[in-house]
Amino acid sequence: MSVAPKSPVSRWFVLIAVAAACNGDLREKVGQSDIDATILMTIPPPPCDPPAVADGTGDCTGGGKPGDDCLMCHHQGGGASPFVFAGTAYDLTGTKPAAGVTIHLQDEVGNVATAVTHTNGNFYSVDGFVMYPAKAFSSLCPDVLGMTGPVDMSTGANCNTAGCHSAGFRIHHP
């Protein structure tokens, strides 16, 4: 025997409670992100890349060190040439720079930007166009690792920024 609300007021209360409990959005909330990550989860990882050699040293002529916030200066209108995305990759321990790793950033419509880590672990891209949200991968054969959360407008392409991949939560590649 089922029990149904008998009064019109209790029926409205039940209807409002059900509607408030489900807004119809299925969202993956990583940190403060409110991005629907379902489409990003369908992006296949790129093939593994052999060790690559990046042009230049990766040293910042403005005084920045590996692990520093690259886009503090390297943004549109900033004091240095703008980067599409930038950061520093480390080994599995998070203490030694990882050189020769290819970083891929791909959006849901197929735009891809790539960068190769320098000997000091720094990577940056001045080419390419990617819309947010996007999915990030690090690739060095035999491993291709995907970032678990989306890269979105709130996190941006500043991988070393506070709240993303700063001390204690480094980008790593085994």
N, C-alpha and C. Protein backbone atom coordinates (compact mmCIF):
# COMPACT_ATOMS: atom_id res chain seq x y z
N MET A 1 0.84 -1.16 0.00
CA MET A 1 0.00 0.00 0.00
C MET A 1 0.90 1.23 0.00
N SER A 2 0.70 2.16 -0.95
CA SER A 2 1.50 3.38 -1.00
C SER A 2 0.79 4.50 -0.26
N VAL A 3 1.59 5.35 0.28
CA VAL A 3 1.05 6.47 1.03
C VAL A 3 1.30 7.73 0.22
N ALA A 4 0.26 8.41 -0.18
CA ALA A 4 0.38 9.64 -0.95
C ALA A 4 -0.02 10.80 -0.06
N PRO A 5 0.58 11.98 -0.28
CA PRO A 5 0.18 13.14 0.50
C PRO A 5 -1.29 13.44 0.25
N LYS A 6 -2.01 13.72 1.31
CA LYS A 6 -3.45 13.89 1.20
C LYS A 6 -3.84 15.34 0.95
N SER A 7 -3.18 16.29 1.53
CA SER A 7 -3.61 17.68 1.36
C SER A 7 -2.89 18.32 0.18
N PRO A 8 -3.52 19.31 -0.47
CA PRO A 8 -2.86 20.00 -1.59
C PRO A 8 -1.56 20.69 -1.16
N VAL A 9 -1.47 21.19 0.06
CA VAL A 9 -0.27 21.85 0.54
C VAL A 9 0.88 20.85 0.63
N SER A 10 0.61 19.66 1.16
CA SER A 10 1.66 18.66 1.27
C SER A 10 2.09 18.15 -0.10
N ARG A 11 1.16 18.08 -1.07
CA ARG A 11 1.52 17.69 -2.43
C ARG A 11 2.47 18.72 -3.04
N TRP A 12 2.17 20.01 -2.86
CA TRP A 12 3.04 21.07 -3.38
C TRP A 12 4.41 21.03 -2.71
N PHE A 13 4.41 20.76 -1.40
CA PHE A 13 5.68 20.67 -0.68
C PHE A 13 6.55 19.55 -1.25
N VAL A 14 5.95 18.39 -1.51
CA VAL A 14 6.69 17.25 -2.06
C VAL A 14 7.20 17.59 -3.46
N LEU A 15 6.37 18.23 -4.28
CA LEU A 15 6.77 18.59 -5.64
C LEU A 15 7.93 19.59 -5.62
N ILE A 16 7.88 20.57 -4.75
CA ILE A 16 8.97 21.57 -4.64
C ILE A 16 10.24 20.90 -4.14
N ALA A 17 10.12 20.01 -3.17
CA ALA A 17 11.31 19.32 -2.63
C ALA A 17 11.98 18.47 -3.70
N VAL A 18 11.18 17.78 -4.51
CA VAL A 18 11.74 16.96 -5.58
C VAL A 18 12.42 17.85 -6.63
N ALA A 19 11.78 18.93 -7.01
CA ALA A 19 12.34 19.84 -8.01
C ALA A 19 13.63 20.48 -7.51
N ALA A 20 13.69 20.83 -6.24
CA ALA A 20 14.88 21.47 -5.68
C ALA A 20 16.04 20.48 -5.57
N ALA A 21 15.73 19.22 -5.40
CA ALA A 21 16.79 18.22 -5.24
C ALA A 21 17.50 17.89 -6.54
N CYS A 22 16.84 18.11 -7.66
CA CYS A 22 17.45 17.78 -8.94
C CYS A 22 17.22 18.91 -9.93
N ASN A 23 18.29 19.56 -10.33
CA ASN A 23 18.14 20.66 -11.28
C ASN A 23 18.39 20.20 -12.71
N GLY A 24 18.66 18.91 -12.92
CA GLY A 24 18.85 18.39 -14.26
C GLY A 24 20.27 18.47 -14.78
N ASP A 25 21.16 19.16 -14.07
CA ASP A 25 22.55 19.27 -14.51
C ASP A 25 23.37 18.13 -13.93
N LEU A 26 24.14 17.49 -14.79
CA LEU A 26 25.10 16.50 -14.34
C LEU A 26 26.46 17.12 -14.54
N ARG A 27 27.05 17.62 -13.49
CA ARG A 27 28.31 18.34 -13.60
C ARG A 27 29.37 17.72 -12.71
N GLU A 28 30.58 17.70 -13.25
CA GLU A 28 31.73 17.28 -12.45
C GLU A 28 32.34 18.54 -11.88
N LYS A 29 32.32 18.67 -10.58
CA LYS A 29 32.86 19.88 -9.95
C LYS A 29 34.21 19.55 -9.35
N VAL A 30 35.25 19.97 -10.05
CA VAL A 30 36.62 19.77 -9.58
C VAL A 30 37.06 21.10 -8.99
N GLY A 31 37.38 21.10 -7.72
CA GLY A 31 37.73 22.36 -7.07
C GLY A 31 36.57 23.33 -7.15
N GLN A 32 36.82 24.51 -7.66
CA GLN A 32 35.77 25.51 -7.79
C GLN A 32 35.16 25.53 -9.19
N SER A 33 35.60 24.63 -10.06
CA SER A 33 35.13 24.60 -11.43
C SER A 33 33.69 24.12 -11.49
N ASP A 34 32.91 24.72 -12.37
CA ASP A 34 31.54 24.31 -12.58
C ASP A 34 31.36 23.93 -14.05
N ILE A 35 32.32 23.22 -14.59
CA ILE A 35 32.34 22.85 -16.00
C ILE A 35 31.74 21.46 -16.16
N ASP A 36 30.87 21.33 -17.16
CA ASP A 36 30.33 20.03 -17.50
C ASP A 36 31.42 19.28 -18.26
N ALA A 37 32.04 18.33 -17.60
CA ALA A 37 33.23 17.68 -18.15
C ALA A 37 32.91 16.47 -19.01
N THR A 38 31.63 16.18 -19.27
CA THR A 38 31.31 14.97 -20.01
C THR A 38 31.94 14.92 -21.39
N ILE A 39 31.89 15.99 -22.15
CA ILE A 39 32.48 15.99 -23.49
C ILE A 39 33.99 15.87 -23.39
N LEU A 40 34.60 16.53 -22.42
CA LEU A 40 36.05 16.45 -22.26
C LEU A 40 36.50 15.02 -21.96
N MET A 41 35.66 14.27 -21.29
CA MET A 41 36.03 12.89 -20.94
C MET A 41 36.06 11.99 -22.17
N THR A 42 35.46 12.43 -23.29
CA THR A 42 35.47 11.63 -24.51
C THR A 42 36.70 11.90 -25.37
N ILE A 43 37.51 12.89 -25.02
CA ILE A 43 38.71 13.20 -25.79
C ILE A 43 39.73 12.09 -25.54
N PRO A 44 40.12 11.39 -26.60
CA PRO A 44 41.10 10.31 -26.39
C PRO A 44 42.49 10.89 -26.14
N PRO A 45 43.30 10.19 -25.39
CA PRO A 45 44.67 10.68 -25.16
C PRO A 45 45.45 10.66 -26.47
N PRO A 46 46.41 11.56 -26.59
CA PRO A 46 47.26 11.54 -27.79
C PRO A 46 48.18 10.31 -27.74
N PRO A 47 48.77 9.96 -28.87
CA PRO A 47 49.75 8.86 -28.83
C PRO A 47 50.95 9.28 -27.98
N CYS A 48 51.66 8.30 -27.46
CA CYS A 48 52.82 8.66 -26.63
C CYS A 48 53.89 9.27 -27.52
N ASP A 49 54.54 10.28 -26.97
CA ASP A 49 55.59 11.00 -27.70
C ASP A 49 56.95 10.54 -27.23
N PRO A 50 57.89 10.35 -28.16
CA PRO A 50 59.27 10.04 -27.75
C PRO A 50 59.87 11.26 -27.07
N PRO A 51 60.95 11.09 -26.33
CA PRO A 51 61.59 12.26 -25.70
C PRO A 51 61.88 13.32 -26.77
N ALA A 52 61.55 14.55 -26.46
CA ALA A 52 61.73 15.64 -27.41
C ALA A 52 62.70 16.66 -26.82
N VAL A 53 63.23 17.50 -27.65
CA VAL A 53 64.14 18.55 -27.21
C VAL A 53 63.48 19.88 -27.53
N ALA A 54 63.29 20.69 -26.51
CA ALA A 54 62.68 22.01 -26.68
C ALA A 54 63.71 23.01 -27.15
N ASP A 55 63.27 23.98 -27.93
CA ASP A 55 64.17 25.06 -28.34
C ASP A 55 64.49 25.93 -27.13
N GLY A 56 65.72 26.37 -27.02
CA GLY A 56 66.11 27.26 -25.93
C GLY A 56 66.31 26.52 -24.63
N THR A 57 66.54 27.30 -23.58
CA THR A 57 66.83 26.72 -22.27
C THR A 57 65.61 26.62 -21.38
N GLY A 58 64.59 27.44 -21.65
CA GLY A 58 63.44 27.49 -20.76
C GLY A 58 63.65 28.44 -19.61
N ASP A 59 64.86 29.04 -19.52
CA ASP A 59 65.12 30.01 -18.46
C ASP A 59 64.34 31.28 -18.73
N CYS A 60 63.80 31.85 -17.69
CA CYS A 60 63.06 33.10 -17.80
C CYS A 60 64.05 34.26 -17.69
N THR A 61 64.08 35.10 -18.71
CA THR A 61 65.00 36.24 -18.67
C THR A 61 64.51 37.32 -17.71
N GLY A 62 63.28 37.21 -17.25
CA GLY A 62 62.74 38.19 -16.31
C GLY A 62 62.96 37.81 -14.86
N GLY A 63 63.65 36.70 -14.61
CA GLY A 63 63.95 36.33 -13.24
C GLY A 63 63.09 35.23 -12.66
N GLY A 64 62.06 34.79 -13.39
CA GLY A 64 61.22 33.71 -12.89
C GLY A 64 61.98 32.39 -12.84
N LYS A 65 61.64 31.56 -11.88
CA LYS A 65 62.28 30.26 -11.70
C LYS A 65 61.28 29.16 -12.00
N PRO A 66 61.76 27.95 -12.30
CA PRO A 66 60.83 26.84 -12.49
C PRO A 66 59.87 26.73 -11.30
N GLY A 67 58.61 26.57 -11.60
CA GLY A 67 57.58 26.50 -10.57
C GLY A 67 56.92 27.84 -10.30
N ASP A 68 57.52 28.94 -10.79
CA ASP A 68 56.91 30.26 -10.60
C ASP A 68 55.70 30.43 -11.52
N ASP A 69 54.90 31.41 -11.23
CA ASP A 69 53.70 31.75 -11.98
C ASP A 69 54.10 32.42 -13.31
N CYS A 70 54.17 31.65 -14.39
CA CYS A 70 54.66 32.14 -15.69
C CYS A 70 53.80 33.24 -16.28
N LEU A 71 52.48 33.07 -16.18
CA LEU A 71 51.59 34.02 -16.85
C LEU A 71 51.40 35.32 -16.05
N MET A 72 52.12 35.45 -14.96
CA MET A 72 52.09 36.72 -14.24
C MET A 72 52.63 37.81 -15.16
N CYS A 73 53.63 37.46 -15.98
CA CYS A 73 54.21 38.40 -16.95
C CYS A 73 53.82 38.06 -18.38
N HIS A 74 53.71 36.75 -18.69
CA HIS A 74 53.49 36.29 -20.06
C HIS A 74 52.00 36.19 -20.38
N HIS A 75 51.30 37.32 -20.37
CA HIS A 75 49.88 37.37 -20.74
C HIS A 75 49.68 38.53 -21.72
N GLN A 76 48.53 38.57 -22.37
CA GLN A 76 48.24 39.66 -23.30
C GLN A 76 48.37 40.98 -22.58
N GLY A 77 49.20 41.87 -23.09
CA GLY A 77 49.39 43.17 -22.48
C GLY A 77 50.38 43.16 -21.33
N GLY A 78 50.99 42.00 -21.06
CA GLY A 78 51.96 41.91 -19.96
C GLY A 78 53.33 42.40 -20.39
N GLY A 79 54.29 42.31 -19.50
CA GLY A 79 55.62 42.80 -19.77
C GLY A 79 56.48 41.86 -20.61
N ALA A 80 55.98 40.66 -20.92
CA ALA A 80 56.75 39.69 -21.70
C ALA A 80 55.85 39.12 -22.79
N SER A 81 56.43 38.40 -23.74
CA SER A 81 55.63 37.83 -24.83
C SER A 81 54.56 36.90 -24.25
N PRO A 82 53.33 36.97 -24.80
CA PRO A 82 52.23 36.16 -24.24
C PRO A 82 52.36 34.68 -24.58
N PHE A 83 51.99 33.83 -23.63
CA PHE A 83 51.96 32.39 -23.81
C PHE A 83 50.52 31.93 -23.90
N VAL A 84 50.27 30.87 -24.70
CA VAL A 84 48.95 30.25 -24.74
C VAL A 84 48.72 29.50 -23.43
N PHE A 85 49.72 28.75 -23.00
CA PHE A 85 49.71 28.10 -21.69
C PHE A 85 51.15 27.88 -21.26
N ALA A 86 51.38 27.69 -19.97
CA ALA A 86 52.74 27.56 -19.46
C ALA A 86 52.73 26.90 -18.09
N GLY A 87 53.86 26.30 -17.73
CA GLY A 87 54.00 25.69 -16.42
C GLY A 87 55.35 25.01 -16.28
N THR A 88 55.44 24.12 -15.30
CA THR A 88 56.66 23.36 -15.04
C THR A 88 56.27 21.93 -14.74
N ALA A 89 56.96 20.98 -15.35
CA ALA A 89 56.70 19.56 -15.09
C ALA A 89 57.87 18.97 -14.30
N TYR A 90 57.54 18.04 -13.42
CA TYR A 90 58.52 17.41 -12.54
C TYR A 90 58.45 15.90 -12.68
N ASP A 91 59.45 15.22 -12.09
CA ASP A 91 59.41 13.77 -12.04
C ASP A 91 58.34 13.34 -11.03
N LEU A 92 58.20 12.05 -10.85
CA LEU A 92 57.14 11.53 -9.98
C LEU A 92 57.25 12.04 -8.54
N THR A 93 58.46 12.33 -8.07
CA THR A 93 58.63 12.82 -6.70
C THR A 93 58.21 14.28 -6.56
N GLY A 94 58.13 14.99 -7.69
CA GLY A 94 57.77 16.42 -7.64
C GLY A 94 58.92 17.32 -7.26
N THR A 95 60.15 16.78 -7.31
CA THR A 95 61.31 17.58 -6.90
C THR A 95 62.30 17.86 -8.03
N LYS A 96 62.41 16.95 -9.00
CA LYS A 96 63.35 17.13 -10.10
C LYS A 96 62.58 17.51 -11.37
N PRO A 97 63.13 18.43 -12.17
CA PRO A 97 62.47 18.80 -13.42
C PRO A 97 62.38 17.61 -14.38
N ALA A 98 61.30 17.53 -15.13
CA ALA A 98 61.13 16.49 -16.14
C ALA A 98 61.33 17.12 -17.51
N ALA A 99 62.39 16.73 -18.20
CA ALA A 99 62.72 17.28 -19.52
C ALA A 99 62.20 16.36 -20.62
N GLY A 100 61.87 16.94 -21.76
CA GLY A 100 61.49 16.16 -22.94
C GLY A 100 60.06 15.66 -22.97
N VAL A 101 59.24 16.10 -22.03
CA VAL A 101 57.83 15.69 -21.98
C VAL A 101 57.03 16.61 -22.91
N THR A 102 56.12 16.04 -23.69
CA THR A 102 55.24 16.85 -24.53
C THR A 102 53.93 17.06 -23.80
N ILE A 103 53.53 18.32 -23.66
CA ILE A 103 52.27 18.68 -23.01
C ILE A 103 51.27 19.02 -24.11
N HIS A 104 50.11 18.39 -24.05
CA HIS A 104 49.04 18.61 -25.03
C HIS A 104 47.86 19.27 -24.31
N LEU A 105 47.27 20.26 -24.93
CA LEU A 105 46.04 20.89 -24.43
C LEU A 105 45.05 20.82 -25.58
N GLN A 106 43.90 20.16 -25.36
CA GLN A 106 42.91 19.99 -26.44
C GLN A 106 41.54 20.38 -25.94
N ASP A 107 40.82 21.13 -26.78
CA ASP A 107 39.46 21.51 -26.43
C ASP A 107 38.46 20.54 -27.05
N GLU A 108 37.19 20.75 -26.75
CA GLU A 108 36.16 19.81 -27.19
C GLU A 108 35.88 19.82 -28.68
N VAL A 109 36.35 20.83 -29.41
CA VAL A 109 36.13 20.85 -30.87
C VAL A 109 37.36 20.39 -31.64
N GLY A 110 38.43 20.01 -30.95
CA GLY A 110 39.59 19.44 -31.60
C GLY A 110 40.79 20.34 -31.74
N ASN A 111 40.72 21.59 -31.29
CA ASN A 111 41.90 22.46 -31.32
C ASN A 111 42.93 21.92 -30.34
N VAL A 112 44.20 21.91 -30.76
CA VAL A 112 45.27 21.37 -29.93
C VAL A 112 46.44 22.36 -29.90
N ALA A 113 46.99 22.57 -28.73
CA ALA A 113 48.24 23.33 -28.57
C ALA A 113 49.20 22.41 -27.83
N THR A 114 50.48 22.44 -28.20
CA THR A 114 51.47 21.58 -27.55
C THR A 114 52.70 22.38 -27.14
N ALA A 115 53.41 21.83 -26.19
CA ALA A 115 54.67 22.41 -25.73
C ALA A 115 55.55 21.26 -25.24
N VAL A 116 56.85 21.46 -25.30
CA VAL A 116 57.81 20.46 -24.83
C VAL A 116 58.55 21.05 -23.63
N THR A 117 58.74 20.22 -22.60
CA THR A 117 59.44 20.71 -21.41
C THR A 117 60.93 20.83 -21.68
N HIS A 118 61.49 21.90 -21.15
CA HIS A 118 62.93 22.16 -21.26
C HIS A 118 63.68 21.37 -20.20
N THR A 119 65.00 21.48 -20.18
CA THR A 119 65.80 20.75 -19.19
C THR A 119 65.47 21.18 -17.76
N ASN A 120 64.96 22.40 -17.58
CA ASN A 120 64.57 22.86 -16.23
C ASN A 120 63.11 22.55 -15.93
N GLY A 121 62.42 21.82 -16.82
CA GLY A 121 61.03 21.43 -16.60
C GLY A 121 60.00 22.43 -17.11
N ASN A 122 60.43 23.65 -17.40
CA ASN A 122 59.49 24.67 -17.88
C ASN A 122 58.96 24.30 -19.27
N PHE A 123 57.69 24.61 -19.50
CA PHE A 123 57.10 24.46 -20.82
C PHE A 123 56.19 25.66 -21.06
N TYR A 124 56.05 26.02 -22.31
CA TYR A 124 55.15 27.09 -22.69
C TYR A 124 54.85 26.98 -24.18
N SER A 125 53.72 27.50 -24.56
CA SER A 125 53.34 27.51 -25.97
C SER A 125 53.00 28.94 -26.36
N VAL A 126 53.56 29.37 -27.47
CA VAL A 126 53.22 30.68 -28.02
C VAL A 126 52.36 30.50 -29.26
N ASP A 127 52.21 29.25 -29.71
CA ASP A 127 51.40 28.93 -30.89
C ASP A 127 50.17 28.16 -30.45
N GLY A 128 49.22 28.10 -31.35
CA GLY A 128 48.04 27.28 -31.10
C GLY A 128 46.90 28.11 -30.54
N PHE A 129 45.75 27.54 -30.63
CA PHE A 129 44.54 28.19 -30.15
C PHE A 129 43.70 27.12 -29.49
N VAL A 130 43.32 27.32 -28.27
CA VAL A 130 42.49 26.38 -27.55
C VAL A 130 41.41 27.15 -26.83
N MET A 131 40.17 26.67 -26.94
CA MET A 131 39.05 27.27 -26.21
C MET A 131 38.88 26.51 -24.90
N TYR A 132 38.33 27.18 -23.92
CA TYR A 132 38.08 26.53 -22.64
C TYR A 132 36.63 26.14 -22.54
N PRO A 133 36.32 25.03 -21.92
CA PRO A 133 37.20 24.13 -21.19
C PRO A 133 38.05 23.28 -22.13
N ALA A 134 39.14 22.76 -21.59
CA ALA A 134 40.06 21.93 -22.36
C ALA A 134 40.58 20.79 -21.48
N LYS A 135 41.15 19.81 -22.12
CA LYS A 135 41.74 18.65 -21.42
C LYS A 135 43.24 18.69 -21.63
N ALA A 136 44.01 18.44 -20.59
CA ALA A 136 45.47 18.46 -20.67
C ALA A 136 46.03 17.05 -20.52
N PHE A 137 47.10 16.78 -21.27
CA PHE A 137 47.81 15.51 -21.21
C PHE A 137 49.31 15.78 -21.16
N SER A 138 50.05 14.91 -20.46
CA SER A 138 51.51 14.92 -20.56
C SER A 138 51.90 13.59 -21.18
N SER A 139 52.85 13.65 -22.12
CA SER A 139 53.18 12.46 -22.90
C SER A 139 54.69 12.29 -23.02
N LEU A 140 55.17 11.14 -22.61
CA LEU A 140 56.56 10.73 -22.80
C LEU A 140 56.54 9.20 -22.76
N CYS A 141 56.84 8.59 -23.90
CA CYS A 141 56.71 7.13 -24.00
C CYS A 141 57.43 6.44 -22.86
N PRO A 142 56.81 5.46 -22.27
CA PRO A 142 55.60 4.77 -22.69
C PRO A 142 54.32 5.32 -22.06
N ASP A 143 54.36 6.45 -21.36
CA ASP A 143 53.21 6.94 -20.61
C ASP A 143 52.55 8.17 -21.23
N VAL A 144 51.23 8.20 -21.17
CA VAL A 144 50.44 9.39 -21.48
C VAL A 144 49.50 9.57 -20.30
N LEU A 145 49.64 10.69 -19.60
CA LEU A 145 48.83 10.95 -18.42
C LEU A 145 47.86 12.09 -18.70
N GLY A 146 46.59 11.88 -18.36
CA GLY A 146 45.58 12.92 -18.53
C GLY A 146 45.31 13.62 -17.22
N MET A 147 45.10 14.93 -17.29
CA MET A 147 44.73 15.69 -16.11
C MET A 147 43.30 15.29 -15.72
N THR A 148 43.07 15.11 -14.43
CA THR A 148 41.76 14.62 -14.00
C THR A 148 40.65 15.66 -14.11
N GLY A 149 40.97 16.92 -13.93
CA GLY A 149 39.96 17.96 -14.03
C GLY A 149 40.15 18.78 -15.29
N PRO A 150 39.13 19.56 -15.64
CA PRO A 150 39.25 20.39 -16.85
C PRO A 150 40.09 21.63 -16.61
N VAL A 151 40.68 22.13 -17.69
CA VAL A 151 41.31 23.45 -17.67
C VAL A 151 40.21 24.40 -18.13
N ASP A 152 39.81 25.32 -17.28
CA ASP A 152 38.71 26.23 -17.65
C ASP A 152 39.13 27.68 -17.47
N MET A 153 38.21 28.59 -17.69
CA MET A 153 38.54 30.01 -17.61
C MET A 153 38.98 30.42 -16.20
N SER A 154 38.43 29.78 -15.17
CA SER A 154 38.82 30.19 -13.81
C SER A 154 40.23 29.70 -13.48
N THR A 155 40.61 28.52 -13.96
CA THR A 155 41.97 28.04 -13.72
C THR A 155 42.91 28.56 -14.79
N GLY A 156 42.40 28.71 -16.00
CA GLY A 156 43.19 29.23 -17.10
C GLY A 156 44.34 28.32 -17.48
N ALA A 157 45.18 28.84 -18.31
CA ALA A 157 46.30 28.06 -18.83
C ALA A 157 47.57 28.37 -18.07
N ASN A 158 47.44 28.91 -16.87
CA ASN A 158 48.57 29.24 -16.03
C ASN A 158 48.77 28.10 -15.04
N CYS A 159 49.44 27.07 -15.49
CA CYS A 159 49.52 25.83 -14.72
C CYS A 159 50.18 25.97 -13.35
N ASN A 160 51.10 26.92 -13.19
CA ASN A 160 51.80 27.09 -11.92
C ASN A 160 51.11 28.06 -10.97
N THR A 161 49.91 28.48 -11.28
CA THR A 161 49.24 29.47 -10.43
C THR A 161 48.82 28.86 -9.09
N ALA A 162 48.71 29.69 -8.08
CA ALA A 162 48.26 29.23 -6.77
C ALA A 162 46.88 28.60 -6.91
N GLY A 163 46.69 27.47 -6.29
CA GLY A 163 45.41 26.77 -6.37
C GLY A 163 45.39 25.72 -7.45
N CYS A 164 46.38 25.73 -8.32
CA CYS A 164 46.48 24.68 -9.35
C CYS A 164 47.71 23.83 -9.06
N HIS A 165 48.75 23.97 -9.85
CA HIS A 165 49.93 23.13 -9.69
C HIS A 165 51.07 23.90 -9.04
N SER A 166 50.87 24.25 -7.79
CA SER A 166 51.93 24.92 -7.03
C SER A 166 52.57 23.90 -6.09
N ALA A 167 53.44 24.34 -5.23
CA ALA A 167 54.17 23.42 -4.34
C ALA A 167 53.23 22.43 -3.67
N GLY A 168 53.59 21.18 -3.71
CA GLY A 168 52.79 20.13 -3.08
C GLY A 168 51.82 19.46 -4.04
N PHE A 169 51.54 20.08 -5.19
CA PHE A 169 50.62 19.49 -6.17
C PHE A 169 51.17 19.78 -7.56
N ARG A 170 52.37 19.31 -7.82
CA ARG A 170 53.08 19.58 -9.05
C ARG A 170 52.58 18.74 -10.21
N ILE A 171 52.78 19.26 -11.42
CA ILE A 171 52.58 18.48 -12.63
C ILE A 171 53.73 17.48 -12.65
N HIS A 172 53.42 16.21 -12.82
CA HIS A 172 54.49 15.22 -12.83
C HIS A 172 54.30 14.26 -13.99
N HIS A 173 55.40 13.69 -14.37
CA HIS A 173 55.40 12.64 -15.38
C HIS A 173 56.46 11.62 -14.98
N PRO A 174 56.03 10.34 -14.87
CA PRO A 174 57.01 9.33 -14.43
C PRO A 174 58.15 9.17 -15.40
